[in-house]
Amino acid sequence: MKNLQGLGALLELDDIIIAQAAGYWVRFEVRQVSVSKHIPHGIRYNLTLHDNCNQRVMGYDNAHVPKGAKRGKYKAQIMTYDHKHQTIKCKGEPYSFNSPAQPIEDFWKSVDDYLKEYGII
């Protein structure tokens, strides 16, 4: 991975839960793993926002290929697992992982946007 800016900050978030307004909360799961064709940056992550019923309502992760992602007809095509779920029903849309600092910044912006959009804050 060429751009390691923010790697320490991202890894330090592992297993952290932070309360938000109205019983909502965020959870960070972050681990450094071996680089692979699906995780070229070597970081397995799951950054999630949960509602007051403990249900995930939004998140960024690379735990699976986004449902509905076009896999292409050529086997040599590399598909990364990085994606985001913008709503509770979203099956995942591609996310561009540029540096370890980027998902933290993008996730917090999405949390703020979500909580504002649904009148939580």
N, C-alpha and C. Protein backbone atom coordinates (compact mmCIF):
# COMPACT_ATOMS: atom_id res chain seq x y z
N MET A 1 0.86 -1.17 0.00
CA MET A 1 0.00 0.00 0.00
C MET A 1 0.90 1.22 0.00
N LYS A 2 0.65 2.12 -0.92
CA LYS A 2 1.50 3.29 -1.06
C LYS A 2 1.18 4.38 -0.05
N ASN A 3 -0.08 4.67 0.18
CA ASN A 3 -0.47 5.76 1.06
C ASN A 3 -0.91 5.20 2.41
N LEU A 4 -0.02 5.23 3.40
CA LEU A 4 -0.30 4.69 4.72
C LEU A 4 -0.75 5.75 5.71
N GLN A 5 -0.98 6.98 5.25
CA GLN A 5 -1.41 8.05 6.13
C GLN A 5 -2.71 7.64 6.83
N GLY A 6 -2.70 7.69 8.16
CA GLY A 6 -3.89 7.37 8.93
C GLY A 6 -4.02 5.91 9.32
N LEU A 7 -3.05 5.05 8.95
CA LEU A 7 -3.14 3.63 9.27
C LEU A 7 -3.23 3.40 10.78
N GLY A 8 -2.37 4.05 11.55
CA GLY A 8 -2.39 3.89 13.00
C GLY A 8 -3.71 4.32 13.60
N ALA A 9 -4.22 5.46 13.15
CA ALA A 9 -5.50 5.97 13.66
C ALA A 9 -6.63 5.00 13.34
N LEU A 10 -6.65 4.45 12.14
CA LEU A 10 -7.70 3.50 11.76
C LEU A 10 -7.61 2.23 12.60
N LEU A 11 -6.40 1.68 12.75
CA LEU A 11 -6.23 0.44 13.51
C LEU A 11 -6.57 0.63 14.99
N GLU A 12 -6.31 1.81 15.54
CA GLU A 12 -6.62 2.08 16.95
C GLU A 12 -8.12 2.11 17.22
N LEU A 13 -8.93 2.26 16.19
CA LEU A 13 -10.39 2.30 16.36
C LEU A 13 -11.00 0.91 16.58
N ASP A 14 -10.22 -0.15 16.37
CA ASP A 14 -10.76 -1.50 16.47
C ASP A 14 -11.45 -1.73 17.81
N ASP A 15 -12.65 -2.27 17.75
CA ASP A 15 -13.48 -2.60 18.92
C ASP A 15 -13.97 -1.39 19.72
N ILE A 16 -13.96 -0.22 19.10
CA ILE A 16 -14.46 0.99 19.76
C ILE A 16 -15.94 1.17 19.42
N ILE A 17 -16.72 1.52 20.42
CA ILE A 17 -18.13 1.85 20.25
C ILE A 17 -18.33 3.25 20.81
N ILE A 18 -19.00 4.12 20.03
CA ILE A 18 -19.19 5.50 20.45
C ILE A 18 -20.68 5.84 20.37
N ALA A 19 -21.23 6.28 21.49
CA ALA A 19 -22.65 6.66 21.55
C ALA A 19 -22.90 7.90 20.71
N GLN A 20 -24.07 7.92 20.09
CA GLN A 20 -24.54 9.07 19.31
C GLN A 20 -25.87 9.54 19.91
N ALA A 21 -26.49 10.49 19.29
CA ALA A 21 -27.77 11.03 19.76
C ALA A 21 -28.88 9.98 19.71
N ALA A 22 -29.86 10.12 20.61
CA ALA A 22 -31.11 9.33 20.60
C ALA A 22 -30.89 7.82 20.64
N GLY A 23 -29.84 7.37 21.29
CA GLY A 23 -29.60 5.94 21.42
C GLY A 23 -28.88 5.30 20.25
N TYR A 24 -28.56 6.06 19.23
CA TYR A 24 -27.78 5.55 18.11
C TYR A 24 -26.33 5.39 18.56
N TRP A 25 -25.59 4.54 17.87
CA TRP A 25 -24.19 4.32 18.22
C TRP A 25 -23.41 3.83 17.01
N VAL A 26 -22.10 4.06 17.05
CA VAL A 26 -21.22 3.59 15.97
C VAL A 26 -20.26 2.55 16.53
N ARG A 27 -19.88 1.64 15.66
CA ARG A 27 -18.94 0.58 16.04
C ARG A 27 -17.87 0.48 14.96
N PHE A 28 -16.63 0.30 15.41
CA PHE A 28 -15.50 0.14 14.50
C PHE A 28 -14.89 -1.24 14.71
N GLU A 29 -14.71 -1.96 13.63
CA GLU A 29 -13.98 -3.22 13.64
C GLU A 29 -12.92 -3.08 12.54
N VAL A 30 -11.66 -3.10 12.93
CA VAL A 30 -10.57 -2.87 11.99
C VAL A 30 -9.40 -3.78 12.32
N ARG A 31 -8.93 -4.50 11.31
CA ARG A 31 -7.79 -5.39 11.50
C ARG A 31 -6.88 -5.32 10.28
N GLN A 32 -5.58 -5.40 10.54
CA GLN A 32 -4.64 -5.49 9.45
C GLN A 32 -4.56 -6.97 9.06
N VAL A 33 -4.65 -7.26 7.77
CA VAL A 33 -4.63 -8.62 7.25
C VAL A 33 -3.63 -8.70 6.11
N SER A 34 -3.39 -9.90 5.65
CA SER A 34 -2.50 -10.07 4.51
C SER A 34 -3.13 -9.44 3.27
N VAL A 35 -2.29 -8.83 2.47
CA VAL A 35 -2.75 -8.25 1.21
C VAL A 35 -3.21 -9.38 0.30
N SER A 36 -4.35 -9.17 -0.35
CA SER A 36 -4.87 -10.16 -1.29
C SER A 36 -5.48 -9.42 -2.47
N LYS A 37 -5.92 -10.17 -3.48
CA LYS A 37 -6.52 -9.50 -4.63
C LYS A 37 -7.82 -8.80 -4.26
N HIS A 38 -8.50 -9.27 -3.22
CA HIS A 38 -9.75 -8.65 -2.79
C HIS A 38 -9.54 -7.55 -1.76
N ILE A 39 -8.43 -7.61 -1.03
CA ILE A 39 -8.12 -6.59 -0.03
C ILE A 39 -6.69 -6.10 -0.31
N PRO A 40 -6.53 -5.33 -1.38
CA PRO A 40 -5.19 -4.92 -1.80
C PRO A 40 -4.48 -3.97 -0.83
N HIS A 41 -5.24 -3.34 0.06
CA HIS A 41 -4.65 -2.42 1.04
C HIS A 41 -4.32 -3.13 2.34
N GLY A 42 -4.73 -4.37 2.51
CA GLY A 42 -4.39 -5.16 3.70
C GLY A 42 -5.12 -4.76 4.96
N ILE A 43 -6.29 -4.14 4.83
CA ILE A 43 -7.06 -3.73 6.01
C ILE A 43 -8.48 -4.27 5.88
N ARG A 44 -8.90 -5.07 6.84
CA ARG A 44 -10.28 -5.56 6.91
C ARG A 44 -11.01 -4.62 7.86
N TYR A 45 -12.11 -4.04 7.42
CA TYR A 45 -12.80 -3.06 8.26
C TYR A 45 -14.31 -3.17 8.14
N ASN A 46 -14.98 -2.72 9.20
CA ASN A 46 -16.43 -2.68 9.27
C ASN A 46 -16.77 -1.49 10.17
N LEU A 47 -17.18 -0.39 9.58
CA LEU A 47 -17.51 0.84 10.30
C LEU A 47 -19.02 1.00 10.19
N THR A 48 -19.74 0.92 11.30
CA THR A 48 -21.20 0.85 11.22
C THR A 48 -21.90 1.82 12.17
N LEU A 49 -23.06 2.29 11.72
CA LEU A 49 -23.97 3.10 12.54
C LEU A 49 -25.18 2.22 12.85
N HIS A 50 -25.56 2.17 14.13
CA HIS A 50 -26.69 1.36 14.58
C HIS A 50 -27.75 2.26 15.20
N ASP A 51 -29.01 1.85 15.07
CA ASP A 51 -30.10 2.63 15.66
C ASP A 51 -30.33 2.22 17.11
N ASN A 52 -31.34 2.81 17.74
CA ASN A 52 -31.61 2.54 19.15
C ASN A 52 -32.22 1.16 19.38
N CYS A 53 -32.43 0.40 18.31
CA CYS A 53 -32.87 -1.01 18.42
C CYS A 53 -31.71 -1.96 18.09
N ASN A 54 -30.49 -1.41 18.03
CA ASN A 54 -29.27 -2.15 17.76
C ASN A 54 -29.18 -2.72 16.35
N GLN A 55 -29.91 -2.15 15.43
CA GLN A 55 -29.91 -2.60 14.04
C GLN A 55 -28.96 -1.72 13.22
N ARG A 56 -28.10 -2.35 12.41
CA ARG A 56 -27.21 -1.56 11.56
C ARG A 56 -28.03 -0.82 10.52
N VAL A 57 -27.85 0.49 10.44
CA VAL A 57 -28.61 1.30 9.49
C VAL A 57 -27.74 1.89 8.38
N MET A 58 -26.40 1.89 8.57
CA MET A 58 -25.49 2.47 7.59
C MET A 58 -24.10 1.98 7.90
N GLY A 59 -23.26 1.82 6.89
CA GLY A 59 -21.90 1.40 7.18
C GLY A 59 -20.98 1.34 5.97
N TYR A 60 -19.70 1.20 6.28
CA TYR A 60 -18.64 1.01 5.29
C TYR A 60 -17.93 -0.27 5.68
N ASP A 61 -17.69 -1.15 4.70
CA ASP A 61 -16.98 -2.38 5.02
C ASP A 61 -16.39 -3.03 3.78
N ASN A 62 -15.66 -4.09 4.03
CA ASN A 62 -15.14 -4.91 2.94
C ASN A 62 -15.22 -6.38 3.32
N ALA A 63 -16.31 -6.74 3.97
CA ALA A 63 -16.51 -8.11 4.43
C ALA A 63 -17.01 -9.03 3.33
N HIS A 64 -17.54 -8.47 2.25
CA HIS A 64 -18.09 -9.28 1.16
C HIS A 64 -18.15 -8.44 -0.11
N VAL A 65 -18.29 -9.09 -1.24
CA VAL A 65 -18.50 -8.37 -2.49
C VAL A 65 -19.89 -7.75 -2.42
N PRO A 66 -20.05 -6.48 -2.77
CA PRO A 66 -21.38 -5.87 -2.72
C PRO A 66 -22.39 -6.66 -3.56
N LYS A 67 -23.54 -6.92 -3.00
CA LYS A 67 -24.58 -7.64 -3.74
C LYS A 67 -24.98 -6.81 -4.95
N GLY A 68 -25.10 -7.47 -6.07
CA GLY A 68 -25.46 -6.78 -7.29
C GLY A 68 -24.28 -6.19 -8.03
N ALA A 69 -23.07 -6.34 -7.48
CA ALA A 69 -21.89 -5.82 -8.17
C ALA A 69 -21.68 -6.60 -9.46
N LYS A 70 -21.31 -5.89 -10.49
CA LYS A 70 -21.07 -6.54 -11.77
C LYS A 70 -19.72 -7.24 -11.71
N ARG A 71 -19.74 -8.51 -11.89
CA ARG A 71 -18.52 -9.30 -11.78
C ARG A 71 -17.77 -9.39 -13.11
N GLY A 72 -18.38 -9.03 -14.19
CA GLY A 72 -17.70 -9.07 -15.48
C GLY A 72 -17.60 -10.48 -16.01
N LYS A 73 -17.31 -10.60 -17.29
CA LYS A 73 -17.25 -11.93 -17.87
C LYS A 73 -15.84 -12.49 -17.90
N TYR A 74 -14.85 -11.69 -17.55
CA TYR A 74 -13.47 -12.16 -17.57
C TYR A 74 -13.00 -12.49 -16.17
N LYS A 75 -12.51 -13.69 -15.98
CA LYS A 75 -12.09 -14.16 -14.66
C LYS A 75 -10.91 -13.37 -14.11
N ALA A 76 -10.09 -12.79 -14.97
CA ALA A 76 -8.90 -12.07 -14.52
C ALA A 76 -9.23 -10.71 -13.91
N GLN A 77 -10.46 -10.26 -14.04
CA GLN A 77 -10.85 -8.96 -13.50
C GLN A 77 -10.77 -8.98 -11.97
N ILE A 78 -10.11 -7.99 -11.39
CA ILE A 78 -9.99 -7.91 -9.94
C ILE A 78 -11.16 -7.11 -9.38
N MET A 79 -11.83 -7.66 -8.40
CA MET A 79 -12.95 -6.98 -7.76
C MET A 79 -12.57 -6.77 -6.29
N THR A 80 -12.52 -5.53 -5.85
CA THR A 80 -12.27 -5.29 -4.44
C THR A 80 -13.58 -5.34 -3.69
N TYR A 81 -13.47 -5.60 -2.42
CA TYR A 81 -14.65 -5.76 -1.58
C TYR A 81 -15.11 -4.46 -0.95
N ASP A 82 -14.36 -3.38 -1.06
CA ASP A 82 -14.71 -2.12 -0.41
C ASP A 82 -16.04 -1.59 -0.91
N HIS A 83 -16.94 -1.29 0.03
CA HIS A 83 -18.25 -0.76 -0.34
C HIS A 83 -18.89 -0.07 0.86
N LYS A 84 -20.01 0.59 0.59
CA LYS A 84 -20.75 1.26 1.66
C LYS A 84 -22.23 0.92 1.54
N HIS A 85 -22.88 0.93 2.68
CA HIS A 85 -24.33 0.74 2.76
C HIS A 85 -24.88 2.07 3.25
N GLN A 86 -25.58 2.80 2.40
CA GLN A 86 -26.07 4.13 2.76
C GLN A 86 -27.35 4.10 3.57
N THR A 87 -28.09 3.01 3.48
CA THR A 87 -29.33 2.86 4.24
C THR A 87 -29.44 1.43 4.72
N ILE A 88 -30.44 1.17 5.52
CA ILE A 88 -30.65 -0.17 6.05
C ILE A 88 -30.94 -1.19 4.95
N LYS A 89 -31.55 -0.76 3.85
CA LYS A 89 -31.90 -1.66 2.76
C LYS A 89 -30.84 -1.76 1.67
N CYS A 90 -29.86 -0.88 1.71
CA CYS A 90 -28.82 -0.85 0.67
C CYS A 90 -27.98 -2.13 0.74
N LYS A 91 -27.85 -2.81 -0.38
CA LYS A 91 -27.07 -4.06 -0.46
C LYS A 91 -25.58 -3.79 -0.60
N GLY A 92 -25.22 -2.54 -0.79
CA GLY A 92 -23.82 -2.17 -0.91
C GLY A 92 -23.53 -1.56 -2.27
N GLU A 93 -22.80 -0.47 -2.24
CA GLU A 93 -22.36 0.16 -3.47
C GLU A 93 -20.86 0.37 -3.37
N PRO A 94 -20.13 0.28 -4.47
CA PRO A 94 -18.67 0.37 -4.43
C PRO A 94 -18.18 1.61 -3.70
N TYR A 95 -17.07 1.44 -3.00
CA TYR A 95 -16.43 2.53 -2.27
C TYR A 95 -14.95 2.53 -2.66
N SER A 96 -14.42 3.69 -2.95
CA SER A 96 -13.02 3.82 -3.35
C SER A 96 -12.16 4.06 -2.12
N PHE A 97 -11.38 3.06 -1.72
CA PHE A 97 -10.47 3.13 -0.58
C PHE A 97 -9.15 3.68 -1.08
N ASN A 98 -8.86 4.95 -0.76
CA ASN A 98 -7.64 5.59 -1.24
C ASN A 98 -6.52 5.60 -0.21
N SER A 99 -6.87 5.66 1.06
CA SER A 99 -5.89 5.68 2.14
C SER A 99 -6.61 5.27 3.42
N PRO A 100 -5.89 4.83 4.45
CA PRO A 100 -6.55 4.44 5.70
C PRO A 100 -7.33 5.58 6.36
N ALA A 101 -6.92 6.81 6.14
CA ALA A 101 -7.62 7.95 6.74
C ALA A 101 -8.96 8.23 6.06
N GLN A 102 -9.08 7.90 4.80
CA GLN A 102 -10.27 8.24 4.02
C GLN A 102 -11.55 7.61 4.54
N PRO A 103 -11.59 6.29 4.87
CA PRO A 103 -12.85 5.74 5.36
C PRO A 103 -13.32 6.37 6.67
N ILE A 104 -12.39 6.76 7.52
CA ILE A 104 -12.77 7.41 8.78
C ILE A 104 -13.49 8.72 8.49
N GLU A 105 -12.89 9.53 7.64
CA GLU A 105 -13.48 10.83 7.29
C GLU A 105 -14.82 10.65 6.59
N ASP A 106 -14.87 9.76 5.60
CA ASP A 106 -16.11 9.54 4.86
C ASP A 106 -17.21 8.96 5.74
N PHE A 107 -16.83 8.03 6.63
CA PHE A 107 -17.81 7.42 7.51
C PHE A 107 -18.44 8.46 8.44
N TRP A 108 -17.62 9.29 9.08
CA TRP A 108 -18.17 10.29 10.00
C TRP A 108 -19.06 11.29 9.27
N LYS A 109 -18.70 11.65 8.04
CA LYS A 109 -19.56 12.55 7.26
C LYS A 109 -20.89 11.85 6.97
N SER A 110 -20.85 10.57 6.61
CA SER A 110 -22.08 9.82 6.34
C SER A 110 -22.93 9.67 7.59
N VAL A 111 -22.29 9.48 8.75
CA VAL A 111 -23.04 9.39 10.01
C VAL A 111 -23.78 10.70 10.25
N ASP A 112 -23.07 11.82 10.14
CA ASP A 112 -23.70 13.12 10.34
C ASP A 112 -24.85 13.34 9.35
N ASP A 113 -24.60 13.02 8.08
CA ASP A 113 -25.64 13.19 7.06
C ASP A 113 -26.86 12.33 7.38
N TYR A 114 -26.64 11.09 7.78
CA TYR A 114 -27.73 10.17 8.08
C TYR A 114 -28.55 10.68 9.27
N LEU A 115 -27.87 11.05 10.35
CA LEU A 115 -28.57 11.51 11.55
C LEU A 115 -29.35 12.79 11.30
N LYS A 116 -28.81 13.67 10.45
CA LYS A 116 -29.54 14.89 10.09
C LYS A 116 -30.73 14.57 9.20
N GLU A 117 -30.52 13.72 8.19
CA GLU A 117 -31.59 13.39 7.25
C GLU A 117 -32.80 12.76 7.93
N TYR A 118 -32.54 11.94 8.95
CA TYR A 118 -33.63 11.25 9.64
C TYR A 118 -34.07 11.97 10.91
N GLY A 119 -33.61 13.22 11.09
CA GLY A 119 -34.07 14.05 12.20
C GLY A 119 -33.59 13.61 13.57
N ILE A 120 -32.49 12.89 13.61
CA ILE A 120 -31.95 12.43 14.89
C ILE A 120 -31.19 13.58 15.58
N ILE A 121 -30.51 14.39 14.78
CA ILE A 121 -29.80 15.56 15.33
C ILE A 121 -30.26 16.81 14.60
